[in-house]
N, C-alpha and C. Protein backbone atom coordinates (compact mmCIF):
# COMPACT_ATOMS: atom_id res chain seq x y z
N MET A 1 2.06 7.89 13.14
CA MET A 1 2.26 9.54 13.67
C MET A 1 0.79 9.71 12.81
N PHE A 2 -0.02 10.70 13.36
CA PHE A 2 -1.11 11.24 12.81
C PHE A 2 -0.97 12.43 13.06
N SER A 3 -2.20 13.14 11.64
CA SER A 3 -1.54 14.09 11.14
C SER A 3 -3.30 14.95 11.84
N SER A 4 -3.52 16.56 11.20
CA SER A 4 -4.47 16.59 11.39
C SER A 4 -5.94 15.92 10.62
N PHE A 5 -5.22 15.47 9.44
CA PHE A 5 -6.43 14.45 9.06
C PHE A 5 -6.86 13.24 8.98
N ALA A 6 -8.08 12.85 9.11
CA ALA A 6 -8.40 12.29 10.18
C ALA A 6 -9.80 11.23 8.78
N ILE A 7 -9.29 9.48 9.06
CA ILE A 7 -10.29 8.81 8.18
C ILE A 7 -11.43 8.60 9.26
N ALA A 8 -12.86 8.44 8.13
CA ALA A 8 -13.76 9.14 9.31
C ALA A 8 -14.00 7.20 9.39
N SER A 9 -15.06 7.19 9.78
CA SER A 9 -15.85 5.88 10.54
C SER A 9 -15.89 4.88 9.46
N ASN A 10 -15.86 3.45 9.73
CA ASN A 10 -15.51 2.66 9.18
C ASN A 10 -17.22 2.26 7.80
N SER A 11 -18.47 3.16 8.85
CA SER A 11 -19.63 2.69 7.57
C SER A 11 -19.47 3.81 6.40
N ASP A 12 -18.50 4.97 6.48
CA ASP A 12 -18.47 5.73 5.62
C ASP A 12 -17.20 5.31 3.93
N TRP A 13 -17.53 3.65 4.19
CA TRP A 13 -16.42 3.34 2.89
C TRP A 13 -17.26 3.20 1.77
N GLN A 14 -17.14 3.47 0.52
CA GLN A 14 -18.10 3.21 -0.37
C GLN A 14 -17.48 2.09 -1.37
N ILE A 15 -18.40 1.24 -1.35
CA ILE A 15 -17.85 0.09 -2.88
C ILE A 15 -17.36 0.72 -3.84
N ASN A 16 -16.46 0.54 -4.35
CA ASN A 16 -16.24 0.95 -6.35
C ASN A 16 -16.72 0.03 -7.07
N GLN A 17 -17.18 0.12 -8.38
CA GLN A 17 -17.69 -0.54 -9.26
C GLN A 17 -17.14 -0.44 -9.88
N ASP A 18 -16.11 0.05 -10.51
CA ASP A 18 -15.94 0.33 -11.61
C ASP A 18 -14.90 -0.86 -12.51
N TYR A 19 -13.96 -1.87 -11.97
CA TYR A 19 -13.77 -2.96 -12.34
C TYR A 19 -14.66 -4.54 -11.91
N PRO A 20 -15.72 -4.48 -12.20
CA PRO A 20 -16.38 -5.57 -12.23
C PRO A 20 -16.09 -6.73 -12.34
N GLU A 21 -15.17 -6.68 -13.19
CA GLU A 21 -14.48 -8.37 -13.87
C GLU A 21 -13.17 -9.03 -12.87
N SER A 22 -12.99 -7.56 -11.34
CA SER A 22 -11.57 -7.87 -10.86
C SER A 22 -11.89 -8.93 -9.79
N ASN A 23 -11.15 -9.63 -9.34
CA ASN A 23 -11.19 -10.23 -8.73
C ASN A 23 -10.86 -9.55 -6.92
N VAL A 24 -10.33 -7.99 -7.33
CA VAL A 24 -10.40 -7.14 -6.11
C VAL A 24 -11.23 -6.78 -5.86
N LYS A 25 -11.77 -6.35 -4.30
CA LYS A 25 -13.10 -5.57 -3.91
C LYS A 25 -12.02 -4.66 -3.32
N VAL A 26 -12.85 -3.39 -3.65
CA VAL A 26 -12.71 -2.05 -3.81
C VAL A 26 -13.55 -0.85 -3.04
N TRP A 27 -12.61 -0.36 -1.61
CA TRP A 27 -13.64 0.41 -1.39
C TRP A 27 -12.82 1.49 -1.06
N THR A 28 -13.40 2.96 -1.32
CA THR A 28 -12.74 4.07 -0.87
C THR A 28 -13.77 5.19 -0.22
N LYS A 29 -12.94 6.30 0.84
CA LYS A 29 -13.73 7.26 1.36
C LYS A 29 -12.97 8.50 1.75
N LYS A 30 -13.45 9.24 1.80
CA LYS A 30 -13.26 10.90 2.17
C LYS A 30 -12.35 11.13 3.55
N VAL A 31 -11.42 11.06 3.09
CA VAL A 31 -10.76 12.10 4.12
C VAL A 31 -11.00 13.10 4.94
N THR A 32 -11.40 13.12 6.27
CA THR A 32 -11.80 14.14 7.05
C THR A 32 -10.52 15.23 6.62
N GLY A 33 -11.12 16.53 6.10
CA GLY A 33 -10.22 17.85 6.45
C GLY A 33 -9.65 17.53 4.98
N SER A 34 -9.38 16.49 3.88
CA SER A 34 -8.97 17.05 3.00
C SER A 34 -9.25 16.66 1.28
N SER A 35 -9.06 16.77 0.14
CA SER A 35 -10.49 16.66 -0.84
C SER A 35 -9.61 15.29 -1.46
N PHE A 36 -8.96 14.28 -0.66
CA PHE A 36 -8.85 13.25 -1.37
C PHE A 36 -8.94 12.12 -0.74
N TYR A 37 -8.96 10.82 -1.57
CA TYR A 37 -10.10 10.07 -1.07
C TYR A 37 -8.74 8.67 -0.25
N ALA A 38 -9.53 7.75 0.31
CA ALA A 38 -8.78 6.92 1.01
C ALA A 38 -9.00 5.99 0.48
N PHE A 39 -7.89 4.17 0.54
CA PHE A 39 -8.70 3.12 -0.34
C PHE A 39 -8.47 2.32 0.58
N LYS A 40 -9.06 0.95 0.55
CA LYS A 40 -8.92 0.03 0.90
C LYS A 40 -9.54 -1.49 0.20
N GLY A 41 -8.47 -2.33 -0.34
CA GLY A 41 -8.46 -3.50 -1.40
C GLY A 41 -8.72 -4.58 -0.64
N GLU A 42 -9.31 -5.99 -0.67
CA GLU A 42 -9.33 -6.76 -0.72
C GLU A 42 -9.29 -7.52 -1.64
N VAL A 43 -8.66 -9.27 -1.52
CA VAL A 43 -8.58 -10.01 -2.64
C VAL A 43 -7.90 -11.10 -1.91
N LYS A 44 -8.58 -12.15 -2.35
CA LYS A 44 -8.60 -13.64 -1.55
C LYS A 44 -7.18 -14.84 -2.24
N VAL A 45 -6.65 -15.19 -1.34
CA VAL A 45 -5.31 -15.74 -2.83
C VAL A 45 -4.93 -17.23 -2.58
N ARG A 46 -4.93 -18.01 -3.62
CA ARG A 46 -4.59 -19.27 -3.28
C ARG A 46 -3.05 -19.58 -2.44
N ALA A 47 -3.00 -19.08 -1.48
CA ALA A 47 -1.91 -18.99 -0.37
C ALA A 47 -1.80 -19.21 0.45
N PRO A 48 -0.65 -19.92 1.30
CA PRO A 48 -0.40 -20.00 2.75
C PRO A 48 0.11 -18.23 3.19
N MET A 49 -0.63 -17.98 4.43
CA MET A 49 -0.15 -16.36 4.52
C MET A 49 1.71 -16.24 4.69
N PHE A 50 1.97 -17.36 5.32
CA PHE A 50 3.72 -17.22 5.35
C PHE A 50 4.44 -16.75 3.64
N LYS A 51 3.83 -17.01 3.33
CA LYS A 51 4.23 -17.40 1.43
C LYS A 51 4.14 -15.56 0.94
N VAL A 52 3.12 -15.12 1.33
CA VAL A 52 2.21 -13.75 1.43
C VAL A 52 3.06 -12.86 2.23
N LEU A 53 3.47 -13.00 3.35
CA LEU A 53 4.46 -12.55 4.33
C LEU A 53 5.64 -12.15 3.60
N THR A 54 6.11 -13.91 2.78
CA THR A 54 7.52 -13.69 2.18
C THR A 54 7.30 -12.36 1.12
N VAL A 55 6.97 -12.62 0.78
CA VAL A 55 6.47 -11.76 -0.74
C VAL A 55 6.72 -10.38 -0.30
N LEU A 56 5.59 -9.62 0.55
CA LEU A 56 5.51 -8.74 1.07
C LEU A 56 6.54 -8.26 1.74
N ALA A 57 7.93 -9.13 2.38
CA ALA A 57 8.84 -8.17 3.11
C ALA A 57 9.96 -8.26 1.69
N ASN A 58 9.82 -9.17 0.35
CA ASN A 58 10.86 -8.67 -0.56
C ASN A 58 10.72 -7.35 -0.85
N THR A 59 11.66 -6.02 -0.41
CA THR A 59 10.82 -4.43 -0.96
C THR A 59 11.50 -4.25 -2.34
N SER A 60 12.46 -5.00 -2.81
CA SER A 60 13.23 -4.97 -3.65
C SER A 60 12.55 -5.03 -5.02
N LEU A 61 11.02 -6.45 -4.85
CA LEU A 61 10.29 -6.67 -5.27
C LEU A 61 8.84 -6.30 -5.53
N MET A 62 9.11 -5.45 -4.94
CA MET A 62 7.22 -4.47 -5.26
C MET A 62 7.26 -3.88 -6.21
N PRO A 63 8.69 -3.32 -7.01
CA PRO A 63 8.07 -2.11 -7.94
C PRO A 63 7.33 -3.60 -9.47
N ASN A 64 7.88 -4.31 -9.30
CA ASN A 64 7.59 -5.49 -10.02
C ASN A 64 5.85 -6.02 -10.39
N TRP A 65 5.02 -5.27 -8.70
CA TRP A 65 4.04 -6.10 -9.15
C TRP A 65 2.76 -4.27 -8.31
N TYR A 66 3.69 -3.38 -7.38
CA TYR A 66 2.41 -2.91 -6.58
C TYR A 66 2.71 -1.35 -7.86
N TYR A 67 1.48 -0.52 -8.04
CA TYR A 67 0.56 -0.17 -9.55
C TYR A 67 1.88 1.32 -9.22
N ARG A 68 2.42 1.71 -9.85
CA ARG A 68 3.01 3.00 -10.42
C ARG A 68 4.49 3.04 -9.52
N LEU A 69 4.60 2.11 -8.85
CA LEU A 69 5.88 2.08 -7.42
C LEU A 69 6.75 2.02 -8.69
N ASP A 70 8.11 2.85 -8.83
CA ASP A 70 9.19 2.91 -9.29
C ASP A 70 10.29 2.69 -8.91
N LYS A 71 10.57 2.54 -7.58
CA LYS A 71 11.75 2.17 -6.71
C LYS A 71 11.56 2.22 -5.06
N VAL A 72 12.04 0.92 -4.67
CA VAL A 72 11.73 1.21 -2.80
C VAL A 72 13.15 1.01 -2.54
N GLU A 73 13.71 1.32 -1.66
CA GLU A 73 14.81 1.18 -0.84
C GLU A 73 15.09 1.63 0.52
N VAL A 74 15.47 0.38 1.32
CA VAL A 74 15.74 -0.05 2.98
C VAL A 74 17.06 1.14 3.42
N LEU A 75 16.09 1.89 3.69
CA LEU A 75 17.54 3.36 4.36
C LEU A 75 17.68 2.81 5.84
N LYS A 76 16.82 2.32 6.42
CA LYS A 76 17.34 1.82 7.43
C LYS A 76 16.23 0.50 8.42
N GLN A 77 17.66 -0.35 9.33
CA GLN A 77 16.55 -1.92 9.63
C GLN A 77 16.91 -1.18 11.33
N ILE A 78 15.71 -0.78 11.77
CA ILE A 78 16.16 -0.64 13.60
C ILE A 78 15.80 -2.13 14.25
N ASN A 79 14.55 -3.14 13.59
CA ASN A 79 15.09 -4.61 14.45
C ASN A 79 14.14 -5.14 13.14
N SER A 80 14.34 -6.50 13.89
CA SER A 80 13.53 -7.50 13.00
C SER A 80 11.81 -6.96 12.54
N LYS A 81 11.68 -5.92 13.55
CA LYS A 81 10.07 -5.78 12.95
C LYS A 81 9.87 -4.21 12.51
N GLU A 82 11.08 -3.27 12.92
CA GLU A 82 11.19 -2.36 12.04
C GLU A 82 11.52 -1.70 11.36
N THR A 83 11.39 -1.21 10.21
CA THR A 83 12.27 -1.02 8.80
C THR A 83 11.47 0.54 8.13
N ILE A 84 12.97 1.27 8.09
CA ILE A 84 12.62 2.27 7.66
C ILE A 84 12.73 2.48 5.36
N VAL A 85 11.92 2.67 5.14
CA VAL A 85 11.60 2.69 3.71
C VAL A 85 11.26 4.08 3.45
N ARG A 86 12.23 3.85 2.23
CA ARG A 86 12.27 5.26 1.11
C ARG A 86 11.61 4.62 -0.37
N SER A 87 10.56 5.06 -0.88
CA SER A 87 9.98 4.34 -2.24
C SER A 87 9.33 5.79 -3.09
N ILE A 88 9.64 5.21 -4.18
CA ILE A 88 9.27 6.78 -4.90
C ILE A 88 7.97 6.56 -6.34
N THR A 89 7.04 7.10 -6.23
CA THR A 89 5.46 7.10 -6.75
C THR A 89 5.49 7.34 -8.59
N LYS A 90 5.41 7.11 -9.39
CA LYS A 90 5.37 7.29 -11.00
C LYS A 90 4.06 7.90 -10.72
N LEU A 91 4.15 9.45 -11.32
CA LEU A 91 2.58 10.02 -11.81
C LEU A 91 2.34 10.53 -13.33
N PRO A 92 1.73 10.82 -13.69
CA PRO A 92 1.34 11.10 -14.88
C PRO A 92 1.44 12.59 -14.96
N TRP A 93 2.27 12.24 -16.59
CA TRP A 93 2.96 13.84 -16.88
C TRP A 93 2.00 14.59 -16.90
N PRO A 94 2.27 16.06 -16.70
CA PRO A 94 3.46 17.51 -16.55
C PRO A 94 3.53 16.92 -15.33
N PHE A 95 3.24 15.63 -14.22
CA PHE A 95 3.09 16.22 -12.80
C PHE A 95 4.55 15.46 -11.83
N ASP A 96 5.48 16.12 -10.64
CA ASP A 96 6.29 15.26 -10.84
C ASP A 96 6.00 13.92 -9.44
N ASN A 97 7.09 13.27 -9.94
CA ASN A 97 6.98 11.81 -9.46
C ASN A 97 6.83 12.10 -7.52
N ARG A 98 6.21 11.47 -6.95
CA ARG A 98 6.45 11.10 -5.74
C ARG A 98 7.19 10.46 -4.22
N GLU A 99 7.31 10.79 -3.57
CA GLU A 99 8.39 10.43 -2.48
C GLU A 99 8.27 9.97 -1.33
N ALA A 100 8.59 9.09 -0.25
CA ALA A 100 7.70 8.92 0.57
C ALA A 100 8.72 7.86 1.73
N ILE A 101 9.16 8.69 2.73
CA ILE A 101 9.63 8.19 3.74
C ILE A 101 8.54 7.40 5.07
N THR A 102 8.73 6.00 4.85
CA THR A 102 8.21 5.30 5.55
C THR A 102 8.87 4.27 6.62
N LYS A 103 7.92 4.14 7.60
CA LYS A 103 8.36 3.23 8.70
C LYS A 103 6.92 2.44 8.41
N ILE A 104 7.68 0.83 8.66
CA ILE A 104 7.10 -0.23 7.77
C ILE A 104 7.57 -1.34 9.26
N THR A 105 6.23 -1.23 10.25
CA THR A 105 5.45 -2.32 11.16
C THR A 105 5.22 -3.33 10.98
N LYS A 106 5.93 -4.34 11.65
CA LYS A 106 4.97 -6.37 11.39
C LYS A 106 4.57 -6.58 12.36
N ALA A 107 3.58 -7.14 12.57
CA ALA A 107 3.21 -7.61 13.40
C ALA A 107 2.77 -8.87 13.46
N HIS A 108 2.56 -10.08 14.23
CA HIS A 108 1.61 -11.61 14.42
C HIS A 108 0.70 -11.25 15.25
N LEU A 109 -0.76 -10.90 14.77
CA LEU A 109 -1.84 -10.71 15.69
C LEU A 109 -2.00 -12.24 16.29
N SER A 110 -2.01 -12.99 15.58
CA SER A 110 -2.09 -13.78 15.72
C SER A 110 -1.76 -15.32 15.44
N LYS A 111 -1.78 -16.93 15.36
CA LYS A 111 -0.98 -17.72 14.35
C LYS A 111 -2.03 -17.74 13.02
N PHE A 112 -3.43 -16.66 12.81
CA PHE A 112 -4.08 -16.98 12.31
C PHE A 112 -4.12 -15.44 11.18
N GLN A 113 -3.44 -14.08 11.91
CA GLN A 113 -3.72 -13.45 11.18
C GLN A 113 -2.16 -12.41 11.80
N ALA A 114 -1.79 -11.95 10.42
CA ALA A 114 -0.39 -10.50 10.53
C ALA A 114 -1.11 -9.45 9.51
N ARG A 115 -0.17 -8.81 10.35
CA ARG A 115 0.07 -7.13 9.94
C ARG A 115 0.69 -6.76 9.42
N ILE A 116 1.00 -5.65 8.71
CA ILE A 116 1.94 -4.61 8.67
C ILE A 116 1.85 -3.45 8.49
N ASN A 117 2.13 -2.40 9.41
CA ASN A 117 1.22 -1.24 9.84
C ASN A 117 2.25 -0.23 8.42
N VAL A 118 2.18 0.72 8.03
CA VAL A 118 2.18 1.97 6.85
C VAL A 118 2.75 3.00 7.67
N SER A 119 3.22 3.78 8.10
CA SER A 119 3.21 5.22 8.45
C SER A 119 4.40 6.05 8.10
N HIS A 120 4.13 7.25 8.21
CA HIS A 120 5.14 8.96 7.18
C HIS A 120 5.81 8.25 8.45
N SER A 121 7.38 8.91 8.45
CA SER A 121 8.67 8.85 9.32
C SER A 121 9.08 10.27 8.86
N ASP A 122 9.57 10.96 10.18
CA ASP A 122 10.95 12.11 9.96
C ASP A 122 12.14 11.81 9.79
N TYR A 123 12.18 10.42 9.66
CA TYR A 123 13.75 9.91 9.07
C TYR A 123 14.30 10.59 8.21
N PHE A 124 15.51 11.24 8.55
CA PHE A 124 16.62 12.04 7.65
C PHE A 124 17.19 11.52 6.01
N PHE A 125 16.60 12.19 5.09
CA PHE A 125 16.79 11.73 4.09
C PHE A 125 16.95 12.80 3.32
N PRO A 126 17.96 12.90 2.76
CA PRO A 126 18.07 14.34 1.60
C PRO A 126 16.58 14.68 -0.02
N TYR A 127 16.36 15.67 0.34
CA TYR A 127 15.37 15.89 -0.74
C TYR A 127 16.00 16.00 -1.72
N SER A 128 15.18 15.51 -3.11
CA SER A 128 15.72 15.69 -3.90
C SER A 128 14.61 16.48 -5.14
N PRO A 129 15.62 17.11 -5.66
CA PRO A 129 14.95 18.21 -6.53
C PRO A 129 13.74 18.03 -7.44
N ASN A 130 13.50 17.07 -7.78
CA ASN A 130 12.64 16.16 -9.46
C ASN A 130 11.34 15.82 -8.11
N LEU A 131 11.54 15.54 -6.82
CA LEU A 131 10.53 15.10 -6.58
C LEU A 131 9.75 15.85 -5.30
N VAL A 132 8.26 15.16 -5.07
CA VAL A 132 7.54 16.19 -4.36
C VAL A 132 7.86 15.24 -3.13
N ARG A 133 8.02 15.14 -1.42
CA ARG A 133 7.96 14.53 -0.93
C ARG A 133 6.33 14.55 0.32
N ILE A 134 5.51 12.95 0.18
CA ILE A 134 4.79 13.23 1.25
C ILE A 134 5.07 13.52 2.60
N ASN A 135 4.43 14.17 2.75
CA ASN A 135 4.52 13.95 4.29
C ASN A 135 3.27 13.53 5.30
N HIS A 136 2.66 13.01 4.80
CA HIS A 136 1.57 12.13 5.89
C HIS A 136 0.93 11.40 4.44
N LEU A 137 0.99 10.20 5.47
CA LEU A 137 1.08 8.63 4.64
C LEU A 137 0.36 7.62 5.96
N ASN A 138 -0.43 6.93 6.16
CA ASN A 138 -0.48 5.84 6.78
C ASN A 138 -1.23 4.87 6.33
N GLY A 139 -1.33 3.56 6.57
CA GLY A 139 -1.57 2.49 6.26
C GLY A 139 -1.24 1.04 6.74
N TYR A 140 -2.04 -0.23 6.54
CA TYR A 140 -1.55 -1.39 6.74
C TYR A 140 -1.95 -2.31 5.38
N TRP A 141 -1.09 -3.14 6.11
CA TRP A 141 -1.13 -4.49 5.07
C TRP A 141 -1.93 -5.83 5.86
N GLN A 142 -2.99 -6.34 5.92
CA GLN A 142 -3.83 -7.37 7.14
C GLN A 142 -3.95 -8.87 6.88
N LEU A 143 -3.32 -9.57 6.77
CA LEU A 143 -3.53 -11.12 6.59
C LEU A 143 -3.96 -11.50 7.30
N ASP A 144 -5.20 -12.50 6.77
CA ASP A 144 -6.11 -13.06 7.65
C ASP A 144 -6.12 -14.82 6.37
N GLN A 145 -5.16 -15.95 7.75
CA GLN A 145 -5.43 -17.17 7.38
C GLN A 145 -7.00 -17.78 7.16
N ILE A 146 -7.81 -18.02 5.55
CA ILE A 146 -8.98 -18.38 5.40
C ILE A 146 -9.35 -20.48 5.86
N SER A 147 -7.74 -20.06 5.49
CA SER A 147 -7.42 -22.27 5.16
C SER A 147 -5.58 -22.37 5.32
N GLU A 148 -5.02 -23.80 5.09
CA GLU A 148 -3.64 -23.72 5.27
C GLU A 148 -3.19 -23.09 3.99
N GLN A 149 -4.12 -22.95 2.67
CA GLN A 149 -3.65 -23.11 1.28
C GLN A 149 -4.18 -21.80 0.56
N GLU A 150 -5.17 -20.82 1.36
CA GLU A 150 -5.52 -19.71 1.17
C GLU A 150 -6.05 -18.38 2.50
N THR A 151 -5.86 -17.31 1.84
CA THR A 151 -5.57 -16.10 2.79
C THR A 151 -6.56 -14.68 2.15
N LEU A 152 -6.52 -14.16 3.01
CA LEU A 152 -7.27 -12.75 2.79
C LEU A 152 -6.26 -11.86 2.78
N ILE A 153 -6.41 -10.98 1.70
CA ILE A 153 -5.33 -9.76 1.68
C ILE A 153 -5.99 -8.59 1.93
N THR A 154 -6.06 -7.59 3.19
CA THR A 154 -6.83 -6.31 2.76
C THR A 154 -5.60 -5.32 2.66
N HIS A 155 -5.92 -4.85 2.17
CA HIS A 155 -4.82 -3.48 2.09
C HIS A 155 -4.93 -1.74 2.04
N MET A 156 -4.71 -0.94 2.69
CA MET A 156 -5.64 0.19 3.16
C MET A 156 -4.38 1.01 3.32
N ILE A 157 -4.31 2.62 2.44
CA ILE A 157 -3.78 3.60 2.27
C ILE A 157 -4.57 4.93 2.56
N GLU A 158 -3.80 5.64 2.95
CA GLU A 158 -4.58 7.24 3.18
C GLU A 158 -3.44 8.44 3.18
N SER A 159 -3.31 8.81 2.27
CA SER A 159 -2.20 9.89 2.61
C SER A 159 -2.81 11.63 1.81
N GLU A 160 -1.75 12.22 1.22
CA GLU A 160 -1.57 13.49 0.96
C GLU A 160 -0.44 13.60 0.51
N PRO A 161 -0.68 13.39 -0.92
CA PRO A 161 0.26 13.73 -1.96
C PRO A 161 1.27 14.79 -2.12
N ALA A 162 1.06 15.68 -1.15
CA ALA A 162 1.82 17.39 -1.75
C ALA A 162 2.01 18.03 -2.65
N GLY A 163 2.18 19.16 -2.94
CA GLY A 163 2.39 19.94 -4.03
C GLY A 163 1.21 20.10 -4.88
N GLN A 164 1.12 20.49 -5.76
CA GLN A 164 0.27 20.89 -6.44
C GLN A 164 -0.13 19.98 -7.86
N ILE A 165 -1.35 19.40 -7.37
CA ILE A 165 -1.91 18.16 -8.29
C ILE A 165 -3.38 18.06 -7.91
N PRO A 166 -4.26 18.06 -9.16
CA PRO A 166 -5.85 17.83 -9.32
C PRO A 166 -6.03 17.03 -8.26
N ALA A 167 -7.03 16.93 -7.38
CA ALA A 167 -7.65 16.10 -6.41
C ALA A 167 -8.10 14.96 -7.52
N TRP A 168 -9.13 15.10 -8.57
CA TRP A 168 -9.30 14.19 -9.25
C TRP A 168 -8.34 12.96 -9.87
N LEU A 169 -7.27 13.38 -9.84
CA LEU A 169 -6.01 12.77 -10.73
C LEU A 169 -6.05 12.11 -9.87
N ILE A 170 -5.41 12.40 -8.45
CA ILE A 170 -5.18 11.72 -6.96
C ILE A 170 -6.49 10.42 -7.02
N ASN A 171 -7.51 11.23 -7.19
CA ASN A 171 -8.56 10.36 -7.00
C ASN A 171 -8.99 8.87 -7.45
N GLN A 172 -8.50 9.41 -8.81
CA GLN A 172 -8.57 8.38 -9.88
C GLN A 172 -7.46 7.19 -9.46
N LEU A 173 -6.22 7.58 -9.16
CA LEU A 173 -5.61 6.32 -9.21
C LEU A 173 -5.82 6.12 -7.39
N VAL A 174 -6.62 6.61 -6.70
CA VAL A 174 -7.02 5.72 -5.48
C VAL A 174 -7.33 4.71 -5.69
N SER A 175 -8.37 4.28 -7.19
CA SER A 175 -9.19 3.66 -7.58
C SER A 175 -7.93 2.38 -7.71
N GLU A 176 -7.83 2.83 -8.88
CA GLU A 176 -6.40 2.13 -9.56
C GLU A 176 -5.65 0.96 -8.88
N ILE A 177 -5.45 2.20 -7.79
CA ILE A 177 -4.30 1.63 -6.95
C ILE A 177 -3.94 0.00 -6.59
N PRO A 178 -5.33 -0.34 -5.81
CA PRO A 178 -5.66 -1.45 -5.27
C PRO A 178 -5.83 -2.65 -6.45
N VAL A 179 -6.41 -2.51 -7.23
CA VAL A 179 -6.65 -3.37 -8.13
C VAL A 179 -5.60 -3.97 -8.64
N TYR A 180 -5.00 -2.83 -9.03
CA TYR A 180 -3.52 -3.51 -10.22
C TYR A 180 -2.69 -4.31 -9.46
N SER A 181 -2.09 -3.71 -8.39
CA SER A 181 -1.72 -4.05 -7.50
C SER A 181 -1.82 -5.68 -6.92
N LEU A 182 -3.01 -5.49 -6.49
CA LEU A 182 -3.54 -6.86 -5.34
C LEU A 182 -3.72 -7.65 -6.65
N GLU A 183 -3.74 -7.47 -7.91
CA GLU A 183 -4.33 -8.75 -8.98
C GLU A 183 -2.30 -9.04 -9.16
N LYS A 184 -1.47 -8.29 -9.37
CA LYS A 184 -0.45 -8.52 -9.53
C LYS A 184 0.19 -9.57 -8.46
N LEU A 185 -0.36 -9.13 -7.34
CA LEU A 185 0.48 -9.37 -5.78
C LEU A 185 -0.40 -10.95 -6.33
N LYS A 186 -1.71 -11.20 -6.06
CA LYS A 186 -2.53 -12.29 -6.60
C LYS A 186 -1.53 -13.49 -7.46
N ASN A 187 -1.85 -12.87 -8.63
CA ASN A 187 -0.31 -13.77 -9.67
C ASN A 187 0.42 -14.02 -9.01
N LEU A 188 1.35 -13.54 -8.42
CA LEU A 188 2.68 -13.99 -7.89
C LEU A 188 2.75 -14.33 -6.88
N VAL A 189 2.17 -15.05 -5.65
CA VAL A 189 2.05 -15.58 -4.63
C VAL A 189 1.08 -16.74 -5.22
N GLU A 190 0.79 -16.78 -6.16
CA GLU A 190 -0.19 -18.11 -6.72
C GLU A 190 0.64 -18.99 -7.63
N ILE A 191 1.93 -18.39 -7.78
CA ILE A 191 2.57 -19.08 -8.85
C ILE A 191 3.54 -20.12 -8.24
N ASP A 192 4.46 -21.17 -8.48
CA ASP A 192 4.96 -22.61 -8.25
C ASP A 192 6.11 -21.48 -6.67
N ASN A 193 6.09 -22.02 -6.00
CA ASN A 193 7.50 -22.04 -4.51
C ASN A 193 8.30 -21.41 -6.09
N LYS A 194 8.91 -22.42 -7.03
CA LYS A 194 10.31 -22.25 -7.61
C LYS A 194 10.52 -21.42 -8.54
N THR A 195 9.67 -20.35 -9.51
CA THR A 195 9.55 -19.54 -10.12
C THR A 195 9.21 -18.43 -8.93
N LEU A 196 9.05 -18.16 -7.28
CA LEU A 196 8.67 -17.30 -6.73
C LEU A 196 9.74 -15.95 -6.90
N PHE A 197 11.42 -16.28 -6.81
CA PHE A 197 12.29 -15.11 -6.72
C PHE A 197 13.01 -15.16 -7.34
């Protein structure tokens, strides 16, 4: 699903230098027609692609490693590749937490590449008076197999947080989310299989 907000061309991505010690590379860029920025994060992990996919598919595990994610629940399993998911993101006080209803679509692009697309969904779910619903969100996870035991993970998100919130705060979180999330994901997928779940 697309809105009037659009990401600019690939050449508009700007490297973020705020976390020089991190294993994660982060780029941000302005979303056309918006005050908010999109992010793209990238990290190499010492784990096979199927293992990363297994972790990403475990939605109940996501709040343990995805930055500021408070809750994730599956609302509907459409088929083996498409799922409707509800997620709640914690924001700093005094701002209300954000709720998103998204469609998750899995695609194996090739033997060495997989992609999980994330997009806003109009699936009906009752509004909560304590949450602000995000009505525009698009992004993806892309996995590229470097070798049998190494995978490149790329994660991109652009969204409109809705409600009353300063752009500077969201744009700060845009830089933090990929760094802290992908660092934790890297640590998780690189541990021994026996302790993964």
